[in-house]
């Protein structure tokens, strides 16, 4: 069946993502990067507040990065990847 793919819907999946899944739309690279950032943070046991403190931003900013409300600037991406022990290329793979 061309054009179909199987996805596992997780509890933190946004309404936009669920709509895309219903219409068989693949998540874009930024949505995938957001998921990878959140997963890396959680795997290391960091809270959004802890990440925010290290980066010198508000915890609400980290939340907005993870929910795709704000885009992460290049400087913060580099520091975020270092903190979360993930390469930039893996983030956007």
N, C-alpha and C. Protein backbone atom coordinates (compact mmCIF):
# COMPACT_ATOMS: atom_id res chain seq x y z
N UNK A 1 0.84 -1.18 0.00
CA UNK A 1 0.00 0.00 0.00
C UNK A 1 0.88 1.24 0.00
N UNK A 2 1.01 1.83 -1.11
CA UNK A 2 1.86 2.99 -1.25
C UNK A 2 1.22 4.19 -0.57
N UNK A 3 2.06 4.98 0.13
CA UNK A 3 1.57 6.19 0.77
C UNK A 3 1.08 6.00 2.19
N UNK A 4 1.13 4.79 2.72
CA UNK A 4 0.70 4.55 4.09
C UNK A 4 1.89 4.18 4.95
N UNK A 5 1.81 4.55 6.21
CA UNK A 5 2.85 4.15 7.14
C UNK A 5 2.20 3.96 8.50
N UNK A 6 2.85 3.18 9.33
CA UNK A 6 2.31 2.87 10.66
C UNK A 6 3.01 3.76 11.67
N UNK A 7 2.25 4.35 12.57
CA UNK A 7 2.82 5.19 13.61
C UNK A 7 2.22 4.79 14.95
N UNK A 8 2.99 5.00 15.97
CA UNK A 8 2.51 4.76 17.33
C UNK A 8 2.20 6.13 17.92
N UNK A 9 0.98 6.34 18.32
CA UNK A 9 0.60 7.63 18.89
C UNK A 9 0.89 7.59 20.38
N UNK A 10 1.72 8.53 20.84
CA UNK A 10 2.09 8.61 22.24
C UNK A 10 1.21 9.63 22.94
N UNK A 11 1.22 9.55 24.26
CA UNK A 11 0.37 10.44 25.06
C UNK A 11 0.71 11.91 24.84
N UNK A 12 1.97 12.23 24.52
CA UNK A 12 2.35 13.62 24.36
C UNK A 12 2.21 14.12 22.91
N UNK A 13 1.56 13.35 22.08
CA UNK A 13 1.37 13.73 20.70
C UNK A 13 0.38 14.89 20.62
N UNK A 14 0.76 15.94 19.91
CA UNK A 14 -0.09 17.12 19.82
C UNK A 14 -1.27 16.88 18.88
N UNK A 15 -2.24 17.76 18.97
CA UNK A 15 -3.43 17.66 18.10
C UNK A 15 -3.03 17.79 16.64
N UNK A 16 -2.08 18.68 16.34
CA UNK A 16 -1.60 18.84 14.97
C UNK A 16 -0.98 17.53 14.46
N UNK A 17 -0.18 16.89 15.30
CA UNK A 17 0.44 15.64 14.91
C UNK A 17 -0.60 14.54 14.70
N UNK A 18 -1.61 14.48 15.57
CA UNK A 18 -2.66 13.47 15.41
C UNK A 18 -3.43 13.71 14.11
N UNK A 19 -3.69 14.97 13.78
CA UNK A 19 -4.37 15.29 12.52
C UNK A 19 -3.53 14.86 11.33
N UNK A 20 -2.22 15.16 11.40
CA UNK A 20 -1.33 14.74 10.32
C UNK A 20 -1.33 13.22 10.17
N UNK A 21 -1.33 12.50 11.28
CA UNK A 21 -1.32 11.05 11.24
C UNK A 21 -2.60 10.50 10.61
N UNK A 22 -3.72 11.13 10.94
CA UNK A 22 -5.00 10.69 10.37
C UNK A 22 -5.00 10.87 8.86
N UNK A 23 -4.30 11.88 8.38
CA UNK A 23 -4.27 12.17 6.94
C UNK A 23 -3.00 11.62 6.29
N UNK A 24 -2.32 10.72 6.99
CA UNK A 24 -1.12 10.06 6.49
C UNK A 24 -0.02 11.03 6.08
N UNK A 25 0.10 12.13 6.82
CA UNK A 25 1.18 13.07 6.56
C UNK A 25 2.34 12.73 7.49
N UNK A 26 3.53 12.67 6.92
CA UNK A 26 4.71 12.43 7.74
C UNK A 26 5.03 13.71 8.51
N UNK A 27 5.51 13.57 9.76
CA UNK A 27 5.93 14.76 10.49
C UNK A 27 7.12 15.41 9.79
N UNK A 28 7.19 16.73 9.81
CA UNK A 28 8.33 17.38 9.16
C UNK A 28 9.57 17.28 10.04
N UNK A 29 10.71 17.69 9.50
CA UNK A 29 11.98 17.52 10.21
C UNK A 29 12.02 18.29 11.52
N UNK A 30 11.28 19.39 11.60
CA UNK A 30 11.29 20.17 12.83
C UNK A 30 10.47 19.48 13.93
N UNK A 31 9.38 18.85 13.55
CA UNK A 31 8.61 18.08 14.53
C UNK A 31 9.42 16.90 15.04
N UNK A 32 10.15 16.24 14.14
CA UNK A 32 10.99 15.12 14.55
C UNK A 32 12.13 15.60 15.45
N UNK A 33 12.72 16.74 15.13
CA UNK A 33 13.79 17.29 15.97
C UNK A 33 13.25 17.64 17.36
N UNK A 34 12.05 18.21 17.40
CA UNK A 34 11.43 18.55 18.69
C UNK A 34 11.25 17.30 19.53
N UNK A 35 10.78 16.23 18.92
CA UNK A 35 10.59 14.97 19.64
C UNK A 35 11.91 14.42 20.15
N UNK A 36 12.95 14.52 19.31
CA UNK A 36 14.27 14.02 19.72
C UNK A 36 14.84 14.83 20.88
N UNK A 37 14.66 16.15 20.84
CA UNK A 37 15.12 16.99 21.95
C UNK A 37 14.42 16.60 23.25
N UNK A 38 13.12 16.46 23.18
CA UNK A 38 12.35 16.12 24.37
C UNK A 38 12.75 14.74 24.90
N UNK A 39 12.94 13.79 23.99
CA UNK A 39 13.32 12.43 24.39
C UNK A 39 14.71 12.42 25.01
N UNK A 40 15.64 13.18 24.43
CA UNK A 40 17.00 13.24 24.97
C UNK A 40 17.00 13.87 26.36
N UNK A 41 16.23 14.93 26.54
CA UNK A 41 16.13 15.58 27.84
C UNK A 41 15.57 14.62 28.88
N UNK A 42 14.50 13.93 28.52
CA UNK A 42 13.87 12.99 29.44
C UNK A 42 14.79 11.81 29.76
N UNK A 43 15.51 11.33 28.75
CA UNK A 43 16.41 10.19 28.96
C UNK A 43 17.53 10.51 29.95
N UNK A 44 17.96 11.77 29.95
CA UNK A 44 19.01 12.19 30.88
C UNK A 44 18.45 12.62 32.22
N UNK A 45 17.13 12.66 32.33
CA UNK A 45 16.49 13.00 33.60
C UNK A 45 16.43 14.48 33.91
N UNK A 46 16.62 15.31 32.89
CA UNK A 46 16.53 16.77 33.09
C UNK A 46 15.08 17.23 33.00
N UNK A 47 14.75 18.20 33.81
CA UNK A 47 13.45 18.87 33.67
C UNK A 47 13.63 20.03 32.71
N UNK A 48 12.53 20.57 32.24
CA UNK A 48 12.60 21.76 31.38
C UNK A 48 13.24 22.92 32.14
N UNK A 49 12.94 23.02 33.42
CA UNK A 49 13.49 24.11 34.24
C UNK A 49 15.01 23.98 34.36
N UNK A 50 15.51 22.76 34.51
CA UNK A 50 16.96 22.55 34.62
C UNK A 50 17.66 22.90 33.32
N UNK A 51 17.10 22.50 32.20
CA UNK A 51 17.67 22.84 30.90
C UNK A 51 17.66 24.35 30.71
N UNK A 52 16.57 24.97 31.07
CA UNK A 52 16.44 26.42 30.93
C UNK A 52 17.48 27.15 31.76
N UNK A 53 17.70 26.69 32.98
CA UNK A 53 18.68 27.33 33.86
C UNK A 53 20.09 27.26 33.27
N UNK A 54 20.47 26.10 32.76
CA UNK A 54 21.80 25.94 32.15
C UNK A 54 21.97 26.84 30.93
N UNK A 55 20.91 26.95 30.13
CA UNK A 55 20.98 27.75 28.91
C UNK A 55 20.72 29.24 29.13
N UNK A 56 20.23 29.59 30.31
CA UNK A 56 19.96 30.99 30.60
C UNK A 56 18.70 31.52 29.93
N UNK A 57 17.71 30.63 29.79
CA UNK A 57 16.41 31.03 29.22
C UNK A 57 15.32 30.66 30.22
N UNK A 58 14.12 31.13 29.97
CA UNK A 58 12.99 30.79 30.83
C UNK A 58 12.55 29.35 30.58
N UNK A 59 12.03 28.70 31.62
CA UNK A 59 11.55 27.32 31.44
C UNK A 59 10.40 27.27 30.44
N UNK A 60 9.63 28.36 30.37
CA UNK A 60 8.54 28.39 29.39
C UNK A 60 9.09 28.39 27.96
N UNK A 61 10.29 28.92 27.77
CA UNK A 61 10.92 28.91 26.45
C UNK A 61 11.25 27.48 26.03
N UNK A 62 11.80 26.70 26.95
CA UNK A 62 12.11 25.29 26.65
C UNK A 62 10.82 24.54 26.32
N UNK A 63 9.77 24.81 27.08
CA UNK A 63 8.47 24.19 26.81
C UNK A 63 8.00 24.56 25.41
N UNK A 64 8.15 25.80 25.03
CA UNK A 64 7.70 26.25 23.71
C UNK A 64 8.56 25.67 22.60
N UNK A 65 9.84 25.43 22.88
CA UNK A 65 10.68 24.73 21.89
C UNK A 65 10.15 23.33 21.67
N UNK A 66 9.82 22.66 22.77
CA UNK A 66 9.39 21.26 22.69
C UNK A 66 8.00 21.10 22.10
N UNK A 67 7.20 22.13 22.16
CA UNK A 67 5.85 22.05 21.61
C UNK A 67 5.72 22.75 20.27
N UNK A 68 6.86 23.16 19.73
CA UNK A 68 6.91 23.74 18.38
C UNK A 68 6.23 25.10 18.29
N UNK A 69 6.20 25.82 19.40
CA UNK A 69 5.66 27.18 19.37
C UNK A 69 6.76 28.17 19.00
N UNK A 70 7.95 27.97 19.58
CA UNK A 70 9.11 28.80 19.27
C UNK A 70 10.14 27.96 18.53
N UNK A 71 10.83 28.59 17.61
CA UNK A 71 11.98 27.94 16.97
C UNK A 71 13.21 28.19 17.84
N UNK A 72 14.10 27.24 17.88
CA UNK A 72 15.34 27.37 18.65
C UNK A 72 16.37 28.06 17.77
N UNK A 73 17.03 29.09 18.30
CA UNK A 73 18.05 29.75 17.48
C UNK A 73 19.30 28.88 17.41
N UNK A 74 20.15 29.15 16.46
CA UNK A 74 21.32 28.30 16.19
C UNK A 74 22.22 28.17 17.40
N UNK A 75 22.49 29.26 18.07
CA UNK A 75 23.36 29.21 19.26
C UNK A 75 22.79 28.32 20.34
N UNK A 76 21.50 28.41 20.55
CA UNK A 76 20.86 27.57 21.57
C UNK A 76 20.82 26.11 21.14
N UNK A 77 20.69 25.84 19.85
CA UNK A 77 20.70 24.45 19.37
C UNK A 77 22.04 23.80 19.69
N UNK A 78 23.12 24.52 19.44
CA UNK A 78 24.45 23.98 19.71
C UNK A 78 24.60 23.67 21.19
N UNK A 79 24.26 24.62 22.04
CA UNK A 79 24.38 24.41 23.49
C UNK A 79 23.44 23.33 23.98
N UNK A 80 22.24 23.27 23.43
CA UNK A 80 21.26 22.25 23.79
C UNK A 80 21.76 20.86 23.43
N UNK A 81 22.31 20.73 22.25
CA UNK A 81 22.84 19.43 21.81
C UNK A 81 24.01 18.99 22.69
N UNK A 82 24.87 19.93 23.07
CA UNK A 82 25.98 19.59 23.96
C UNK A 82 25.46 19.12 25.31
N UNK A 83 24.51 19.84 25.86
CA UNK A 83 23.94 19.49 27.16
C UNK A 83 23.25 18.13 27.12
N UNK A 84 22.51 17.88 26.05
CA UNK A 84 21.72 16.65 25.96
C UNK A 84 22.46 15.50 25.29
N UNK A 85 23.74 15.74 25.00
CA UNK A 85 24.61 14.69 24.44
C UNK A 85 24.05 14.09 23.15
N UNK A 86 23.62 14.97 22.25
CA UNK A 86 23.10 14.55 20.95
C UNK A 86 23.75 15.43 19.89
N UNK A 87 24.12 14.84 18.77
CA UNK A 87 24.76 15.64 17.72
C UNK A 87 23.68 16.39 16.93
N UNK A 88 24.08 17.48 16.35
CA UNK A 88 23.15 18.27 15.53
C UNK A 88 22.68 17.44 14.35
N UNK A 89 23.58 16.66 13.76
CA UNK A 89 23.18 15.84 12.61
C UNK A 89 22.17 14.77 13.03
N UNK A 90 22.33 14.19 14.22
CA UNK A 90 21.35 13.22 14.72
C UNK A 90 20.00 13.88 15.02
N UNK A 91 20.08 15.11 15.49
CA UNK A 91 18.86 15.85 15.82
C UNK A 91 17.98 16.04 14.59
N UNK A 92 18.60 16.34 13.46
CA UNK A 92 17.84 16.62 12.24
C UNK A 92 17.86 15.47 11.22
N UNK A 93 18.31 14.30 11.67
CA UNK A 93 18.39 13.12 10.77
C UNK A 93 17.02 12.67 10.33
